[in-house]
Amino acid sequence: MRSAGCTGRAARGAAASPGRGTAAQVLDFEEGPAAVADEELQGELREISANVRLSEQYLALARDLDVMEPKAPDEARAGLLA
């Protein structure tokens, strides 16, 4: 039995209408308000907007914060007190 108010397209949710929402939108770096003349820069901006190098950036952050290797509780506390 269907609940009142949840019928058809609304009951299926956002997945029923592709192209809606932020995940399906793509920035156009060739035309419009986000236009960039340099093709190399366009490629870099596409990578950034698609989060292509996101895992690389997280690994770099982990190295900077020195959290790549697990630490014992005593080591963690010693780092906080220093």
Protein backbone atom coordinates (compact mmCIF):
# COMPACT_ATOMS: atom_id res chain seq x y z
CA MET A 1 0.00 0.00 0.00
CA ARG A 2 1.34 3.42 -0.97
CA SER A 3 1.42 6.23 1.52
CA ALA A 4 -0.58 9.30 0.66
CA GLY A 5 1.48 11.99 -1.00
CA CYS A 6 4.22 9.67 -2.34
CA THR A 7 3.20 8.82 -5.85
CA GLY A 8 4.90 8.43 -9.20
CA ARG A 9 8.07 10.37 -9.82
CA ALA A 10 8.28 11.87 -6.33
CA ALA A 11 8.24 8.40 -4.77
CA ARG A 12 11.24 7.33 -6.87
CA GLY A 13 13.38 10.24 -5.69
CA ALA A 14 16.17 12.16 -7.40
CA ALA A 15 17.59 9.06 -9.09
CA ALA A 16 14.56 8.94 -11.38
CA SER A 17 15.49 12.19 -13.08
CA PRO A 18 19.08 12.14 -14.36
CA GLY A 19 20.61 15.51 -14.99
CA ARG A 20 19.19 17.04 -11.85
CA GLY A 21 21.23 17.83 -8.78
CA THR A 22 24.84 18.85 -8.45
CA ALA A 23 26.41 15.45 -9.19
CA ALA A 24 25.11 15.37 -12.75
CA GLN A 25 26.01 18.96 -13.64
CA VAL A 26 29.21 19.56 -15.58
CA LEU A 27 30.97 22.91 -15.88
CA ASP A 28 31.64 24.03 -19.44
CA PHE A 29 35.06 25.66 -19.53
CA GLU A 30 34.82 26.41 -23.27
CA GLU A 31 31.69 28.61 -23.27
CA GLY A 32 29.59 30.52 -20.79
CA PRO A 33 30.49 32.15 -17.48
CA ALA A 34 33.21 29.60 -16.65
CA ALA A 35 34.93 29.92 -20.06
CA VAL A 36 38.74 29.73 -20.13
CA ALA A 37 40.78 30.37 -23.28
CA ASP A 38 43.80 28.20 -22.39
CA GLU A 39 43.18 24.52 -23.29
CA GLU A 40 45.74 23.24 -20.78
CA LEU A 41 44.05 25.21 -18.01
CA GLN A 42 40.66 23.84 -19.16
CA GLY A 43 41.99 20.30 -18.69
CA GLU A 44 43.31 21.08 -15.22
CA LEU A 45 40.01 22.68 -14.21
CA ARG A 46 38.09 19.63 -15.45
CA GLU A 47 40.32 17.37 -13.32
CA ILE A 48 39.80 19.57 -10.28
CA SER A 49 36.02 19.78 -10.69
CA ALA A 50 35.82 15.99 -11.17
CA ASN A 51 38.01 15.34 -8.10
CA VAL A 52 40.39 13.23 -10.19
CA ARG A 53 43.36 13.84 -7.89
CA LEU A 54 41.43 13.91 -4.63
CA SER A 55 43.03 10.75 -3.19
CA GLU A 56 46.50 12.08 -4.08
CA GLN A 57 45.73 15.28 -2.17
CA TYR A 58 44.51 13.33 0.87
CA LEU A 59 47.70 11.25 0.86
CA ALA A 60 49.81 14.42 0.65
CA LEU A 61 47.89 15.87 3.60
CA ALA A 62 48.43 12.67 5.59
CA ARG A 63 52.18 12.85 4.90
CA ASP A 64 52.27 16.51 5.95
CA LEU A 65 50.45 15.70 9.18
CA ASP A 66 52.66 12.64 9.77
CA VAL A 67 49.73 10.26 10.12
CA MET A 68 50.70 7.69 7.49
CA GLU A 69 51.82 5.14 10.09
CA PRO A 70 49.63 4.13 13.03
CA LYS A 71 50.82 5.34 16.41
CA ALA A 72 50.49 3.87 19.88
CA PRO A 73 48.39 5.90 22.32
CA ASP A 74 51.52 6.93 24.23
CA GLU A 75 53.14 8.24 21.03
CA ALA A 76 50.02 10.22 20.17
CA ARG A 77 49.86 11.80 23.62
CA ALA A 78 53.57 12.64 23.52
CA GLY A 79 53.01 14.48 20.23
CA LEU A 80 50.20 16.53 21.75
CA LEU A 81 52.29 17.54 24.78
CA ALA A 82 55.31 18.64 22.75
